[in-house]
Amino acid sequence: MKFLTTVITTLMLALSLPAWADVSRDAAAAMVQKATGGRVLAVDQTEQGGRPVWRVKVLTPQGEVIVVLIDAASGRRL
């Protein structure tokens, strides 16, 4: 019985992990860093228009702080 409980608990945990993002946090940060040439300051998950997105805050080489949104499913910049 203890084995079965362990298996079921493990399966439930695996299924509850954030599966909404096809593009990982690290991949979104790398894409934005490469596109802007800046330094990534923060990456947060959020939604826009009901779609999951990564919100990447970047310090550009010009000294500006910008926010870039990356679609978590497709990896496209919004």
PDB file of N, CA and C in Angstrom:
ATOM      1  N   MET A   1       0.822  -1.193   0.000  1.00  0.00           N
ATOM      2  CA  MET A   1       0.000   0.000   0.000  1.00  0.00           C
ATOM      3  C   MET A   1       0.869   1.261   0.000  1.00  0.00           C
ATOM      4  N   LYS A   2       1.964   1.234   0.769  1.00  0.00           N
ATOM      5  CA  LYS A   2       2.841   2.393   0.824  1.00  0.00           C
ATOM      6  C   LYS A   2       3.474   2.660  -0.549  1.00  0.00           C
ATOM      7  N   PHE A   3       3.833   1.603  -1.259  1.00  0.00           N
ATOM      8  CA  PHE A   3       4.409   1.745  -2.598  1.00  0.00           C
ATOM      9  C   PHE A   3       3.418   2.409  -3.541  1.00  0.00           C
ATOM     10  N   LEU A   4       2.174   1.957  -3.501  1.00  0.00           N
ATOM     11  CA  LEU A   4       1.137   2.521  -4.362  1.00  0.00           C
ATOM     12  C   LEU A   4       0.908   3.999  -4.053  1.00  0.00           C
ATOM     13  N   THR A   5       0.900   4.351  -2.798  1.00  0.00           N
ATOM     14  CA  THR A   5       0.742   5.754  -2.407  1.00  0.00           C
ATOM     15  C   THR A   5       1.901   6.590  -2.928  1.00  0.00           C
ATOM     16  N   THR A   6       3.109   6.074  -2.851  1.00  0.00           N
ATOM     17  CA  THR A   6       4.283   6.780  -3.351  1.00  0.00           C
ATOM     18  C   THR A   6       4.196   6.985  -4.858  1.00  0.00           C
ATOM     19  N   VAL A   7       3.795   5.962  -5.586  1.00  0.00           N
ATOM     20  CA  VAL A   7       3.669   6.059  -7.041  1.00  0.00           C
ATOM     21  C   VAL A   7       2.607   7.085  -7.426  1.00  0.00           C
ATOM     22  N   ILE A   8       1.471   7.038  -6.785  1.00  0.00           N
ATOM     23  CA  ILE A   8       0.388   7.970  -7.096  1.00  0.00           C
ATOM     24  C   ILE A   8       0.801   9.404  -6.766  1.00  0.00           C
ATOM     25  N   THR A   9       1.461   9.593  -5.638  1.00  0.00           N
ATOM     26  CA  THR A   9       1.923  10.931  -5.261  1.00  0.00           C
ATOM     27  C   THR A   9       2.931  11.462  -6.272  1.00  0.00           C
ATOM     28  N   THR A  10       3.848  10.614  -6.695  1.00  0.00           N
ATOM     29  CA  THR A  10       4.847  11.019  -7.685  1.00  0.00           C
ATOM     30  C   THR A  10       4.192  11.404  -8.999  1.00  0.00           C
ATOM     31  N   LEU A  11       3.240  10.631  -9.443  1.00  0.00           N
ATOM     32  CA  LEU A  11       2.521  10.947 -10.683  1.00  0.00           C
ATOM     33  C   LEU A  11       1.755  12.259 -10.577  1.00  0.00           C
ATOM     34  N   MET A  12       1.124  12.479  -9.447  1.00  0.00           N
ATOM     35  CA  MET A  12       0.372  13.720  -9.255  1.00  0.00           C
ATOM     36  C   MET A  12       1.304  14.924  -9.267  1.00  0.00           C
ATOM     37  N   LEU A  13       2.456  14.804  -8.645  1.00  0.00           N
ATOM     38  CA  LEU A  13       3.424  15.902  -8.650  1.00  0.00           C
ATOM     39  C   LEU A  13       3.948  16.169 -10.053  1.00  0.00           C
ATOM     40  N   ALA A  14       4.232  15.115 -10.790  1.00  0.00           N
ATOM     41  CA  ALA A  14       4.739  15.271 -12.152  1.00  0.00           C
ATOM     42  C   ALA A  14       3.701  15.954 -13.044  1.00  0.00           C
ATOM     43  N   LEU A  15       2.448  15.622 -12.868  1.00  0.00           N
ATOM     44  CA  LEU A  15       1.397  16.213 -13.687  1.00  0.00           C
ATOM     45  C   LEU A  15       1.081  17.644 -13.272  1.00  0.00           C
ATOM     46  N   SER A  16       1.427  18.025 -12.055  1.00  0.00           N
ATOM     47  CA  SER A  16       1.108  19.374 -11.590  1.00  0.00           C
ATOM     48  C   SER A  16       2.216  20.373 -11.874  1.00  0.00           C
ATOM     49  N   LEU A  17       3.350  19.921 -12.408  1.00  0.00           N
ATOM     50  CA  LEU A  17       4.426  20.846 -12.748  1.00  0.00           C
ATOM     51  C   LEU A  17       3.977  21.778 -13.851  1.00  0.00           C
ATOM     52  N   PRO A  18       4.539  22.986 -13.921  1.00  0.00           N
ATOM     53  CA  PRO A  18       4.083  23.938 -14.937  1.00  0.00           C
ATOM     54  C   PRO A  18       4.344  23.431 -16.347  1.00  0.00           C
ATOM     55  N   ALA A  19       3.317  22.951 -16.973  1.00  0.00           N
ATOM     56  CA  ALA A  19       3.436  22.388 -18.312  1.00  0.00           C
ATOM     57  C   ALA A  19       3.004  23.387 -19.376  1.00  0.00           C
ATOM     58  N   TRP A  20       2.680  24.602 -18.965  1.00  0.00           N
ATOM     59  CA  TRP A  20       2.169  25.574 -19.915  1.00  0.00           C
ATOM     60  C   TRP A  20       3.255  26.167 -20.787  1.00  0.00           C
ATOM     61  N   ALA A  21       4.495  26.015 -20.405  1.00  0.00           N
ATOM     62  CA  ALA A  21       5.563  26.679 -21.145  1.00  0.00           C
ATOM     63  C   ALA A  21       6.334  25.696 -22.016  1.00  0.00           C
ATOM     64  N   ASP A  22       6.228  25.849 -23.335  1.00  0.00           N
ATOM     65  CA  ASP A  22       7.046  25.061 -24.247  1.00  0.00           C
ATOM     66  C   ASP A  22       8.453  25.659 -24.321  1.00  0.00           C
ATOM     67  N   VAL A  23       8.545  26.974 -24.105  1.00  0.00           N
ATOM     68  CA  VAL A  23       9.818  27.677 -24.091  1.00  0.00           C
ATOM     69  C   VAL A  23      10.198  27.899 -22.631  1.00  0.00           C
ATOM     70  N   SER A  24      11.365  27.447 -22.238  1.00  0.00           N
ATOM     71  CA  SER A  24      11.774  27.559 -20.842  1.00  0.00           C
ATOM     72  C   SER A  24      12.151  28.995 -20.487  1.00  0.00           C
ATOM     73  N   ARG A  25      12.230  29.258 -19.196  1.00  0.00           N
ATOM     74  CA  ARG A  25      12.649  30.566 -18.690  1.00  0.00           C
ATOM     75  C   ARG A  25      14.037  30.910 -19.214  1.00  0.00           C
ATOM     76  N   ASP A  26      14.953  29.936 -19.158  1.00  0.00           N
ATOM     77  CA  ASP A  26      16.322  30.168 -19.623  1.00  0.00           C
ATOM     78  C   ASP A  26      16.378  30.428 -21.121  1.00  0.00           C
ATOM     79  N   ALA A  27      15.561  29.702 -21.883  1.00  0.00           N
ATOM     80  CA  ALA A  27      15.547  29.900 -23.336  1.00  0.00           C
ATOM     81  C   ALA A  27      15.010  31.286 -23.685  1.00  0.00           C
ATOM     82  N   ALA A  28      13.967  31.730 -22.990  1.00  0.00           N
ATOM     83  CA  ALA A  28      13.421  33.069 -23.233  1.00  0.00           C
ATOM     84  C   ALA A  28      14.460  34.132 -22.903  1.00  0.00           C
ATOM     85  N   ALA A  29      15.147  33.979 -21.791  1.00  0.00           N
ATOM     86  CA  ALA A  29      16.185  34.945 -21.402  1.00  0.00           C
ATOM     87  C   ALA A  29      17.300  34.979 -22.436  1.00  0.00           C
ATOM     88  N   ALA A  30      17.722  33.805 -22.904  1.00  0.00           N
ATOM     89  CA  ALA A  30      18.800  33.741 -23.896  1.00  0.00           C
ATOM     90  C   ALA A  30      18.394  34.395 -25.210  1.00  0.00           C
ATOM     91  N   MET A  31      17.140  34.174 -25.638  1.00  0.00           N
ATOM     92  CA  MET A  31      16.665  34.778 -26.881  1.00  0.00           C
ATOM     93  C   MET A  31      16.678  36.297 -26.795  1.00  0.00           C
ATOM     94  N   VAL A  32      16.198  36.824 -25.675  1.00  0.00           N
ATOM     95  CA  VAL A  32      16.126  38.272 -25.512  1.00  0.00           C
ATOM     96  C   VAL A  32      17.525  38.865 -25.380  1.00  0.00           C
ATOM     97  N   GLN A  33      18.394  38.186 -24.650  1.00  0.00           N
ATOM     98  CA  GLN A  33      19.765  38.676 -24.486  1.00  0.00           C
ATOM     99  C   GLN A  33      20.463  38.750 -25.838  1.00  0.00           C
ATOM    100  N   LYS A  34      20.287  37.722 -26.649  1.00  0.00           N
ATOM    101  CA  LYS A  34      20.914  37.691 -27.967  1.00  0.00           C
ATOM    102  C   LYS A  34      20.332  38.768 -28.888  1.00  0.00           C
ATOM    103  N   ALA A  35      19.018  38.967 -28.828  1.00  0.00           N
ATOM    104  CA  ALA A  35      18.364  39.943 -29.701  1.00  0.00           C
ATOM    105  C   ALA A  35      18.692  41.387 -29.327  1.00  0.00           C
ATOM    106  N   THR A  36      18.852  41.652 -28.035  1.00  0.00           N
ATOM    107  CA  THR A  36      19.069  43.031 -27.599  1.00  0.00           C
ATOM    108  C   THR A  36      20.527  43.352 -27.326  1.00  0.00           C
ATOM    109  N   GLY A  37      21.329  42.334 -27.067  1.00  0.00           N
ATOM    110  CA  GLY A  37      22.716  42.559 -26.692  1.00  0.00           C
ATOM    111  C   GLY A  37      22.854  43.100 -25.283  1.00  0.00           C
ATOM    112  N   GLY A  38      21.754  43.097 -24.534  1.00  0.00           N
ATOM    113  CA  GLY A  38      21.750  43.644 -23.185  1.00  0.00           C
ATOM    114  C   GLY A  38      21.947  42.583 -22.116  1.00  0.00           C
ATOM    115  N   ARG A  39      21.761  43.025 -20.878  1.00  0.00           N
ATOM    116  CA  ARG A  39      21.902  42.131 -19.728  1.00  0.00           C
ATOM    117  C   ARG A  39      20.517  41.869 -19.143  1.00  0.00           C
ATOM    118  N   VAL A  40      20.154  40.604 -19.024  1.00  0.00           N
ATOM    119  CA  VAL A  40      18.845  40.232 -18.488  1.00  0.00           C
ATOM    120  C   VAL A  40      18.843  40.492 -16.984  1.00  0.00           C
ATOM    121  N   LEU A  41      17.838  41.255 -16.541  1.00  0.00           N
ATOM    122  CA  LEU A  41      17.719  41.589 -15.130  1.00  0.00           C
ATOM    123  C   LEU A  41      16.737  40.685 -14.396  1.00  0.00           C
ATOM    124  N   ALA A  42      15.661  40.297 -15.093  1.00  0.00           N
ATOM    125  CA  ALA A  42      14.631  39.456 -14.460  1.00  0.00           C
ATOM    126  C   ALA A  42      13.799  38.770 -15.525  1.00  0.00           C
ATOM    127  N   VAL A  43      13.272  37.599 -15.168  1.00  0.00           N
ATOM    128  CA  VAL A  43      12.357  36.862 -16.047  1.00  0.00           C
ATOM    129  C   VAL A  43      11.200  36.374 -15.182  1.00  0.00           C
ATOM    130  N   ASP A  44       9.990  36.753 -15.560  1.00  0.00           N
ATOM    131  CA  ASP A  44       8.796  36.353 -14.813  1.00  0.00           C
ATOM    132  C   ASP A  44       7.787  35.736 -15.757  1.00  0.00           C
ATOM    133  N   GLN A  45       6.978  34.833 -15.237  1.00  0.00           N
ATOM    134  CA  GLN A  45       5.906  34.263 -16.044  1.00  0.00           C
ATOM    135  C   GLN A  45       4.623  35.043 -15.767  1.00  0.00           C
ATOM    136  N   THR A  46       3.878  35.282 -16.822  1.00  0.00           N
ATOM    137  CA  THR A  46       2.624  36.012 -16.707  1.00  0.00           C
ATOM    138  C   THR A  46       1.723  35.607 -17.870  1.00  0.00           C
ATOM    139  N   GLU A  47       0.613  36.284 -18.020  1.00  0.00           N
ATOM    140  CA  GLU A  47      -0.291  36.032 -19.143  1.00  0.00           C
ATOM    141  C   GLU A  47      -0.622  37.351 -19.827  1.00  0.00           C
ATOM    142  N   GLN A  48      -0.815  37.272 -21.120  1.00  0.00           N
ATOM    143  CA  GLN A  48      -1.283  38.433 -21.877  1.00  0.00           C
ATOM    144  C   GLN A  48      -2.299  37.927 -22.881  1.00  0.00           C
ATOM    145  N   GLY A  49      -3.479  38.471 -22.812  1.00  0.00           N
ATOM    146  CA  GLY A  49      -4.543  38.032 -23.704  1.00  0.00           C
ATOM    147  C   GLY A  49      -4.903  36.575 -23.513  1.00  0.00           C
ATOM    148  N   GLY A  50      -4.762  36.086 -22.283  1.00  0.00           N
ATOM    149  CA  GLY A  50      -5.091  34.697 -21.987  1.00  0.00           C
ATOM    150  C   GLY A  50      -4.016  33.704 -22.393  1.00  0.00           C
ATOM    151  N   ARG A  51      -2.892  34.202 -22.896  1.00  0.00           N
ATOM    152  CA  ARG A  51      -1.796  33.331 -23.326  1.00  0.00           C
ATOM    153  C   ARG A  51      -0.632  33.453 -22.356  1.00  0.00           C
ATOM    154  N   PRO A  52       0.043  32.361 -22.074  1.00  0.00           N
ATOM    155  CA  PRO A  52       1.216  32.435 -21.193  1.00  0.00           C
ATOM    156  C   PRO A  52       2.393  33.100 -21.897  1.00  0.00           C
ATOM    157  N   VAL A  53       3.046  34.008 -21.197  1.00  0.00           N
ATOM    158  CA  VAL A  53       4.205  34.701 -21.754  1.00  0.00           C
ATOM    159  C   VAL A  53       5.293  34.812 -20.695  1.00  0.00           C
ATOM    160  N   TRP A  54       6.511  34.964 -21.173  1.00  0.00           N
ATOM    161  CA  TRP A  54       7.641  35.304 -20.318  1.00  0.00           C
ATOM    162  C   TRP A  54       7.852  36.798 -20.423  1.00  0.00           C
ATOM    163  N   ARG A  55       7.972  37.467 -19.284  1.00  0.00           N
ATOM    164  CA  ARG A  55       8.247  38.907 -19.220  1.00  0.00           C
ATOM    165  C   ARG A  55       9.718  39.048 -18.856  1.00  0.00           C
ATOM    166  N   VAL A  56      10.510  39.509 -19.816  1.00  0.00           N
ATOM    167  CA  VAL A  56      11.965  39.578 -19.637  1.00  0.00           C
ATOM    168  C   VAL A  56      12.377  41.045 -19.541  1.00  0.00           C
ATOM    169  N   LYS A  57      12.945  41.426 -18.400  1.00  0.00           N
ATOM    170  CA  LYS A  57      13.425  42.798 -18.193  1.00  0.00           C
ATOM    171  C   LYS A  57      14.913  42.819 -18.514  1.00  0.00           C
ATOM    172  N   VAL A  58      15.315  43.783 -19.369  1.00  0.00           N
ATOM    173  CA  VAL A  58      16.682  43.833 -19.886  1.00  0.00           C
ATOM    174  C   VAL A  58      17.260  45.242 -19.730  1.00  0.00           C
ATOM    175  N   LEU A  59      18.534  45.310 -19.409  1.00  0.00           N
ATOM    176  CA  LEU A  59      19.293  46.558 -19.442  1.00  0.00           C
ATOM    177  C   LEU A  59      20.044  46.562 -20.764  1.00  0.00           C
ATOM    178  N   THR A  60      19.689  47.477 -21.664  1.00  0.00           N
ATOM    179  CA  THR A  60      20.301  47.518 -22.989  1.00  0.00           C
ATOM    180  C   THR A  60      21.703  48.117 -22.914  1.00  0.00           C
ATOM    181  N   PRO A  61      22.503  47.916 -23.954  1.00  0.00           N
ATOM    182  CA  PRO A  61      23.837  48.528 -23.991  1.00  0.00           C
ATOM    183  C   PRO A  61      23.788  50.063 -23.933  1.00  0.00           C
ATOM    184  N   GLN A  62      22.647  50.650 -24.295  1.00  0.00           N
ATOM    185  CA  GLN A  62      22.479  52.099 -24.244  1.00  0.00           C
ATOM    186  C   GLN A  62      22.070  52.584 -22.851  1.00  0.00           C
ATOM    187  N   GLY A  63      21.909  51.648 -21.912  1.00  0.00           N
ATOM    188  CA  GLY A  63      21.551  52.005 -20.540  1.00  0.00           C
ATOM    189  C   GLY A  63      20.066  52.102 -20.265  1.00  0.00           C
ATOM    190  N   GLU A  64      19.236  51.690 -21.220  1.00  0.00           N
ATOM    191  CA  GLU A  64      17.786  51.715 -21.034  1.00  0.00           C
ATOM    192  C   GLU A  64      17.317  50.383 -20.469  1.00  0.00           C
ATOM    193  N   VAL A  65      16.316  50.436 -19.600  1.00  0.00           N
ATOM    194  CA  VAL A  65      15.674  49.215 -19.122  1.00  0.00           C
ATOM    195  C   VAL A  65      14.412  49.025 -19.949  1.00  0.00           C
ATOM    196  N   ILE A  66      14.321  47.870 -20.614  1.00  0.00           N
ATOM    197  CA  ILE A  66      13.147  47.564 -21.434  1.00  0.00           C
ATOM    198  C   ILE A  66      12.563  46.234 -20.979  1.00  0.00           C
ATOM    199  N   VAL A  67      11.301  46.031 -21.315  1.00  0.00           N
ATOM    200  CA  VAL A  67      10.622  44.773 -21.028  1.00  0.00           C
ATOM    201  C   VAL A  67      10.223  44.148 -22.358  1.00  0.00           C
ATOM    202  N   VAL A  68      10.603  42.901 -22.536  1.00  0.00           N
ATOM    203  CA  VAL A  68      10.284  42.160 -23.757  1.00  0.00           C
ATOM    204  C   VAL A  68       9.404  40.987 -23.371  1.00  0.00           C
ATOM    205  N   LEU A  69       8.309  40.798 -24.095  1.00  0.00           N
ATOM    206  CA  LEU A  69       7.419  39.671 -23.855  1.00  0.00           C
ATOM    207  C   LEU A  69       7.684  38.582 -24.882  1.00  0.00           C
ATOM    208  N   ILE A  70       7.831  37.363 -24.398  1.00  0.00           N
ATOM    209  CA  ILE A  70       8.070  36.196 -25.251  1.00  0.00           C
ATOM    210  C   ILE A  70       6.912  35.225 -25.076  1.00  0.00           C
ATOM    211  N   ASP A  71       6.267  34.857 -26.170  1.00  0.00           N
ATOM    212  CA  ASP A  71       5.197  33.862 -26.121  1.00  0.00           C
ATOM    213  C   ASP A  71       5.780  32.547 -25.630  1.00  0.00           C
ATOM    214  N   ALA A  72       5.238  32.022 -24.545  1.00  0.00           N
ATOM    215  CA  ALA A  72       5.784  30.811 -23.930  1.00  0.00           C
ATOM    216  C   ALA A  72       5.548  29.562 -24.770  1.00  0.00           C
ATOM    217  N   ALA A  73       4.576  29.602 -25.645  1.00  0.00           N
ATOM    218  CA  ALA A  73       4.285  28.431 -26.475  1.00  0.00           C
ATOM    219  C   ALA A  73       5.140  28.416 -27.744  1.00  0.00           C
ATOM    220  N   SER A  74       5.259  29.586 -28.397  1.00  0.00           N
ATOM    221  CA  SER A  74       5.936  29.617 -29.687  1.00  0.00           C
ATOM    222  C   SER A  74       7.358  30.156 -29.625  1.00  0.00           C
ATOM    223  N   GLY A  75       7.668  30.928 -28.589  1.00  0.00           N
ATOM    224  CA  GLY A  75       8.988  31.548 -28.498  1.00  0.00           C
ATOM    225  C   GLY A  75       9.093  32.840 -29.283  1.00  0.00           C
ATOM    226  N   ARG A  76       7.993  33.306 -29.836  1.00  0.00           N
ATOM    227  CA  ARG A  76       8.006  34.550 -30.611  1.00  0.00           C
ATOM    228  C   ARG A  76       7.939  35.769 -29.702  1.00  0.00           C
ATOM    229  N   ARG A  77       8.607  36.804 -30.126  1.00  0.00           N
ATOM    230  CA  ARG A  77       8.583  38.074 -29.401  1.00  0.00           C
ATOM    231  C   ARG A  77       7.263  38.765 -29.678  1.00  0.00           C
ATOM    232  N   LEU A  78       6.634  39.264 -28.639  1.00  0.00           N
ATOM    233  CA  LEU A  78       5.353  39.954 -28.795  1.00  0.00           C
ATOM    234  C   LEU A  78       5.544  41.456 -28.845  1.00  0.00           C
TER     235      LEU A  78
END
